Amino acid sequence: MIKTISMTAAELLEQYQSGERHFRGTNLRGVHLRGACLQGVDLSCADLRGASLMGVNLSGANLHRADLSETFLIRANLSQANLAQANFTRAFLILANLEQSNVSQANFCRSNLTKANLSDIAGFAEALLDQTILTGTKLPQQAHRALIWNQWLEVPQIAGFSWLRSLSQALLQL
């Protein structure tokens, strides 16, 4: 079981600057960390709901299973971060950099990823993207292929060509 500790932004930054990197399960709900450098920090299972993390450098951070719902991550650097199973519901990730991060089973439902960089990310096919805004977003290569195939699959199927649907679904797994 994860022990939950509540912490202010000032306390987190002070401990980070003194060399601490492990803040697993910490309650940071609603903190303001605008422009902070938290490279390589472990915030797995942390509660960051409603936090203001605009311009924060979280490159290489571990945010596995963290709750970042309704968080402001505008221009945040999340490159090479572990975002697997993180909750970004209704979060603002406008112009955020998620390059080379792991988003496997992350929840981006109803979030705004306008002009975000999602190139070379892992686990994109497993991420939840219902009602997500992706305007101008740099998507991974496999996403472009998936969007094209999924659009084609919406066309009514001609009798006798059901094997094409199976083939296209298999190609999406490549």
C-alpha atoms as a PDB file:
ATOM      1  CA  MET A   1       0.000   0.000   0.000  1.00  0.00           C
ATOM      2  CA  ILE A   2       1.217   3.491  -0.895  1.00  0.00           C
ATOM      3  CA  LYS A   3       1.523   5.941   1.979  1.00  0.00           C
ATOM      4  CA  THR A   4      -0.053   9.265   0.996  1.00  0.00           C
ATOM      5  CA  ILE A   5       1.756  12.426   2.061  1.00  0.00           C
ATOM      6  CA  SER A   6       0.426  15.908   1.314  1.00  0.00           C
ATOM      7  CA  MET A   7       2.999  18.446   0.217  1.00  0.00           C
ATOM      8  CA  THR A   8       3.061  22.068  -0.917  1.00  0.00           C
ATOM      9  CA  ALA A   9       4.843  23.222  -4.058  1.00  0.00           C
ATOM     10  CA  ALA A  10       7.542  24.894  -1.951  1.00  0.00           C
ATOM     11  CA  GLU A  11       8.177  21.700   0.034  1.00  0.00           C
ATOM     12  CA  LEU A  12       8.415  19.610  -3.138  1.00  0.00           C
ATOM     13  CA  LEU A  13      10.854  22.027  -4.785  1.00  0.00           C
ATOM     14  CA  GLU A  14      12.981  22.289  -1.659  1.00  0.00           C
ATOM     15  CA  GLN A  15      13.284  18.508  -1.326  1.00  0.00           C
ATOM     16  CA  TYR A  16      13.907  18.110  -5.073  1.00  0.00           C
ATOM     17  CA  GLN A  17      16.682  20.721  -4.980  1.00  0.00           C
ATOM     18  CA  SER A  18      18.286  18.892  -2.036  1.00  0.00           C
ATOM     19  CA  GLY A  19      18.473  15.723  -4.165  1.00  0.00           C
ATOM     20  CA  GLU A  20      15.254  13.850  -3.341  1.00  0.00           C
ATOM     21  CA  ARG A  21      13.580  12.355  -6.440  1.00  0.00           C
ATOM     22  CA  HIS A  22      11.055   9.889  -4.963  1.00  0.00           C
ATOM     23  CA  PHE A  23       7.605  11.346  -4.298  1.00  0.00           C
ATOM     24  CA  ARG A  24       5.514   8.261  -5.057  1.00  0.00           C
ATOM     25  CA  GLY A  25       1.866   8.671  -4.008  1.00  0.00           C
ATOM     26  CA  THR A  26       2.330  12.250  -2.841  1.00  0.00           C
ATOM     27  CA  ASN A  27      -0.752  14.494  -2.687  1.00  0.00           C
ATOM     28  CA  LEU A  28       0.079  17.600  -4.720  1.00  0.00           C
ATOM     29  CA  ARG A  29      -3.475  18.475  -5.592  1.00  0.00           C
ATOM     30  CA  GLY A  30      -3.825  22.007  -6.965  1.00  0.00           C
ATOM     31  CA  VAL A  31      -0.135  22.961  -6.599  1.00  0.00           C
ATOM     32  CA  HIS A  32       1.407  25.720  -8.746  1.00  0.00           C
ATOM     33  CA  LEU A  33       4.790  24.678 -10.139  1.00  0.00           C
ATOM     34  CA  ARG A  34       4.953  26.927 -13.182  1.00  0.00           C
ATOM     35  CA  GLY A  35       8.296  26.618 -15.004  1.00  0.00           C
ATOM     36  CA  ALA A  36       9.874  24.279 -12.426  1.00  0.00           C
ATOM     37  CA  CYS A  37      12.548  21.752 -13.388  1.00  0.00           C
ATOM     38  CA  LEU A  38      11.628  18.289 -12.090  1.00  0.00           C
ATOM     39  CA  GLN A  39      13.645  16.134 -14.472  1.00  0.00           C
ATOM     40  CA  GLY A  40      13.677  12.451 -13.566  1.00  0.00           C
ATOM     41  CA  VAL A  41      11.296  12.853 -10.620  1.00  0.00           C
ATOM     42  CA  ASP A  42       9.208   9.878  -9.445  1.00  0.00           C
ATOM     43  CA  LEU A  43       5.603  11.035  -9.087  1.00  0.00           C
ATOM     44  CA  SER A  44       4.071   7.634  -9.741  1.00  0.00           C
ATOM     45  CA  CYS A  45       0.612   7.279  -8.163  1.00  0.00           C
ATOM     46  CA  ALA A  46       0.749  10.970  -7.158  1.00  0.00           C
ATOM     47  CA  ASP A  47      -2.397  13.124  -6.966  1.00  0.00           C
ATOM     48  CA  LEU A  48      -1.809  16.194  -9.137  1.00  0.00           C
ATOM     49  CA  ARG A  49      -5.450  16.950  -9.921  1.00  0.00           C
ATOM     50  CA  GLY A  50      -6.010  20.570 -10.880  1.00  0.00           C
ATOM     51  CA  ALA A  51      -2.309  21.443 -10.623  1.00  0.00           C
ATOM     52  CA  SER A  52      -0.740  24.247 -12.663  1.00  0.00           C
ATOM     53  CA  LEU A  53       2.325  22.716 -14.310  1.00  0.00           C
ATOM     54  CA  MET A  54       2.693  25.133 -17.214  1.00  0.00           C
ATOM     55  CA  GLY A  55       6.198  25.069 -18.669  1.00  0.00           C
ATOM     56  CA  VAL A  56       7.373  22.448 -16.156  1.00  0.00           C
ATOM     57  CA  ASN A  57      10.250  20.190 -17.201  1.00  0.00           C
ATOM     58  CA  LEU A  58       9.212  16.621 -16.346  1.00  0.00           C
ATOM     59  CA  SER A  59      11.471  14.943 -18.894  1.00  0.00           C
ATOM     60  CA  GLY A  60      12.378  11.426 -17.858  1.00  0.00           C
ATOM     61  CA  ALA A  61       9.857  11.580 -14.988  1.00  0.00           C
ATOM     62  CA  ASN A  62       7.882   8.595 -13.719  1.00  0.00           C
ATOM     63  CA  LEU A  63       4.174   9.513 -13.682  1.00  0.00           C
ATOM     64  CA  HIS A  64       2.920   5.932 -13.871  1.00  0.00           C
ATOM     65  CA  ARG A  65      -0.675   5.823 -12.540  1.00  0.00           C
ATOM     66  CA  ALA A  66      -0.528   9.494 -11.489  1.00  0.00           C
ATOM     67  CA  ASP A  67      -3.789  11.480 -11.509  1.00  0.00           C
ATOM     68  CA  LEU A  68      -3.290  14.603 -13.608  1.00  0.00           C
ATOM     69  CA  SER A  69      -6.954  15.216 -14.393  1.00  0.00           C
ATOM     70  CA  GLU A  70      -7.862  18.859 -15.009  1.00  0.00           C
ATOM     71  CA  THR A  71      -4.165  19.763 -14.838  1.00  0.00           C
ATOM     72  CA  PHE A  72      -2.613  22.602 -16.836  1.00  0.00           C
ATOM     73  CA  LEU A  73       0.442  21.222 -18.653  1.00  0.00           C
ATOM     74  CA  ILE A  74       0.678  23.914 -21.319  1.00  0.00           C
ATOM     75  CA  ARG A  75       4.198  23.915 -22.844  1.00  0.00           C
ATOM     76  CA  ALA A  76       5.274  21.222 -20.369  1.00  0.00           C
ATOM     77  CA  ASN A  77       8.175  18.929 -21.262  1.00  0.00           C
ATOM     78  CA  LEU A  78       7.140  15.306 -20.694  1.00  0.00           C
ATOM     79  CA  SER A  79       9.649  13.811 -23.118  1.00  0.00           C
ATOM     80  CA  GLN A  80      10.930  10.335 -22.261  1.00  0.00           C
ATOM     81  CA  ALA A  81       8.511  10.191 -19.323  1.00  0.00           C
ATOM     82  CA  ASN A  82       6.632   7.115 -18.119  1.00  0.00           C
ATOM     83  CA  LEU A  83       2.976   8.155 -18.436  1.00  0.00           C
ATOM     84  CA  ALA A  84       1.567   4.618 -18.509  1.00  0.00           C
ATOM     85  CA  GLN A  85      -1.880   4.392 -16.914  1.00  0.00           C
ATOM     86  CA  ALA A  86      -1.770   8.091 -15.942  1.00  0.00           C
ATOM     87  CA  ASN A  87      -5.060   9.981 -15.883  1.00  0.00           C
ATOM     88  CA  PHE A  88      -5.069  13.160 -17.998  1.00  0.00           C
ATOM     89  CA  THR A  89      -8.881  13.509 -18.204  1.00  0.00           C
ATOM     90  CA  ARG A  90      -9.834  17.106 -19.085  1.00  0.00           C
ATOM     91  CA  ALA A  91      -6.167  18.182 -18.868  1.00  0.00           C
ATOM     92  CA  PHE A  92      -4.656  20.942 -21.007  1.00  0.00           C
ATOM     93  CA  LEU A  93      -1.519  19.705 -22.781  1.00  0.00           C
ATOM     94  CA  ILE A  94      -1.403  22.457 -25.407  1.00  0.00           C
ATOM     95  CA  LEU A  95       2.075  22.639 -26.999  1.00  0.00           C
ATOM     96  CA  ALA A  96       3.306  19.953 -24.572  1.00  0.00           C
ATOM     97  CA  ASN A  97       6.238  17.746 -25.573  1.00  0.00           C
ATOM     98  CA  LEU A  98       5.559  14.031 -25.023  1.00  0.00           C
ATOM     99  CA  GLU A  99       8.220  12.836 -27.465  1.00  0.00           C
ATOM    100  CA  GLN A 100       9.566   9.343 -26.706  1.00  0.00           C
ATOM    101  CA  SER A 101       7.288   8.927 -23.677  1.00  0.00           C
ATOM    102  CA  ASN A 102       5.237   5.852 -22.777  1.00  0.00           C
ATOM    103  CA  VAL A 103       1.479   6.533 -22.864  1.00  0.00           C
ATOM    104  CA  SER A 104       0.306   2.917 -22.670  1.00  0.00           C
ATOM    105  CA  GLN A 105      -3.206   2.824 -21.162  1.00  0.00           C
ATOM    106  CA  ALA A 106      -3.032   6.532 -20.289  1.00  0.00           C
ATOM    107  CA  ASN A 107      -6.391   8.302 -20.209  1.00  0.00           C
ATOM    108  CA  PHE A 108      -6.506  11.482 -22.319  1.00  0.00           C
ATOM    109  CA  CYS A 109     -10.314  11.571 -22.609  1.00  0.00           C
ATOM    110  CA  ARG A 110     -11.697  15.091 -23.069  1.00  0.00           C
ATOM    111  CA  SER A 111      -8.194  16.593 -22.819  1.00  0.00           C
ATOM    112  CA  ASN A 112      -6.704  19.203 -25.124  1.00  0.00           C
ATOM    113  CA  LEU A 113      -3.514  18.170 -26.949  1.00  0.00           C
ATOM    114  CA  THR A 114      -3.541  21.014 -29.488  1.00  0.00           C
ATOM    115  CA  LYS A 115      -0.128  21.273 -31.206  1.00  0.00           C
ATOM    116  CA  ALA A 116       1.431  18.793 -28.753  1.00  0.00           C
ATOM    117  CA  ASN A 117       4.390  16.663 -29.858  1.00  0.00           C
ATOM    118  CA  LEU A 118       3.509  12.961 -29.656  1.00  0.00           C
ATOM    119  CA  SER A 119       6.233  11.743 -32.016  1.00  0.00           C
ATOM    120  CA  ASP A 120       8.009   8.490 -31.216  1.00  0.00           C
ATOM    121  CA  ILE A 121       5.774   7.691 -28.239  1.00  0.00           C
ATOM    122  CA  ALA A 122       5.180   4.142 -27.070  1.00  0.00           C
ATOM    123  CA  GLY A 123       1.737   2.723 -26.340  1.00  0.00           C
ATOM    124  CA  PHE A 124      -0.296   5.195 -28.406  1.00  0.00           C
ATOM    125  CA  ALA A 125      -2.622   2.422 -29.606  1.00  0.00           C
ATOM    126  CA  GLU A 126      -3.528   1.586 -25.978  1.00  0.00           C
ATOM    127  CA  ALA A 127      -4.138   5.199 -24.858  1.00  0.00           C
ATOM    128  CA  LEU A 128      -7.724   6.384 -24.315  1.00  0.00           C
ATOM    129  CA  LEU A 129      -8.468   9.353 -26.559  1.00  0.00           C
ATOM    130  CA  ASP A 130     -12.268   9.739 -26.519  1.00  0.00           C
ATOM    131  CA  GLN A 131     -13.264  13.353 -27.256  1.00  0.00           C
ATOM    132  CA  THR A 132      -9.625  14.457 -27.170  1.00  0.00           C
ATOM    133  CA  ILE A 133      -8.680  17.583 -29.122  1.00  0.00           C
ATOM    134  CA  LEU A 134      -5.755  16.776 -31.425  1.00  0.00           C
ATOM    135  CA  THR A 135      -5.737  19.873 -33.658  1.00  0.00           C
ATOM    136  CA  GLY A 136      -2.266  20.396 -35.115  1.00  0.00           C
ATOM    137  CA  THR A 137      -0.825  17.634 -32.923  1.00  0.00           C
ATOM    138  CA  LYS A 138       2.322  15.896 -34.174  1.00  0.00           C
ATOM    139  CA  LEU A 139       1.173  12.283 -34.031  1.00  0.00           C
ATOM    140  CA  PRO A 140       3.353   9.170 -34.132  1.00  0.00           C
ATOM    141  CA  GLN A 141       3.713   7.476 -37.536  1.00  0.00           C
ATOM    142  CA  GLN A 142       1.628   4.460 -36.538  1.00  0.00           C
ATOM    143  CA  ALA A 143      -1.210   6.812 -35.557  1.00  0.00           C
ATOM    144  CA  HIS A 144      -1.418   8.250 -39.069  1.00  0.00           C
ATOM    145  CA  ARG A 145      -1.699   4.741 -40.478  1.00  0.00           C
ATOM    146  CA  ALA A 146      -4.320   3.802 -37.871  1.00  0.00           C
ATOM    147  CA  LEU A 147      -6.409   6.893 -38.600  1.00  0.00           C
ATOM    148  CA  ILE A 148      -6.368   6.161 -42.336  1.00  0.00           C
ATOM    149  CA  TRP A 149      -7.304   2.490 -41.837  1.00  0.00           C
ATOM    150  CA  ASN A 150     -10.005   3.305 -39.283  1.00  0.00           C
ATOM    151  CA  GLN A 151     -11.495   5.870 -41.655  1.00  0.00           C
ATOM    152  CA  TRP A 152     -11.530   3.241 -44.430  1.00  0.00           C
ATOM    153  CA  LEU A 153     -13.119   0.713 -42.082  1.00  0.00           C
ATOM    154  CA  GLU A 154     -16.066   3.082 -41.586  1.00  0.00           C
ATOM    155  CA  VAL A 155     -17.018   2.526 -45.242  1.00  0.00           C
ATOM    156  CA  PRO A 156     -19.748  -0.126 -45.496  1.00  0.00           C
ATOM    157  CA  GLN A 157     -18.156  -3.489 -46.210  1.00  0.00           C
ATOM    158  CA  ILE A 158     -18.874  -5.276 -49.471  1.00  0.00           C
ATOM    159  CA  ALA A 159     -20.163  -8.828 -49.076  1.00  0.00           C
ATOM    160  CA  GLY A 160     -17.345 -11.363 -49.272  1.00  0.00           C
ATOM    161  CA  PHE A 161     -14.640  -8.890 -48.278  1.00  0.00           C
ATOM    162  CA  SER A 162     -14.757  -9.340 -44.496  1.00  0.00           C
ATOM    163  CA  TRP A 163     -11.189 -10.685 -44.702  1.00  0.00           C
ATOM    164  CA  LEU A 164     -10.090  -7.105 -45.495  1.00  0.00           C
ATOM    165  CA  ARG A 165     -11.280  -5.928 -42.085  1.00  0.00           C
ATOM    166  CA  SER A 166      -9.246  -8.716 -40.405  1.00  0.00           C
ATOM    167  CA  LEU A 167      -6.217  -7.845 -42.509  1.00  0.00           C
ATOM    168  CA  SER A 168      -6.478  -4.138 -41.743  1.00  0.00           C
ATOM    169  CA  GLN A 169      -6.796  -4.792 -38.010  1.00  0.00           C
ATOM    170  CA  ALA A 170      -3.717  -7.024 -38.159  1.00  0.00           C
ATOM    171  CA  LEU A 171      -1.800  -4.262 -39.976  1.00  0.00           C
ATOM    172  CA  LEU A 172      -2.678  -1.804 -37.204  1.00  0.00           C
ATOM    173  CA  GLN A 173      -0.807  -4.048 -34.774  1.00  0.00           C
ATOM    174  CA  LEU A 174       2.469  -3.692 -36.774  1.00  0.00           C
END
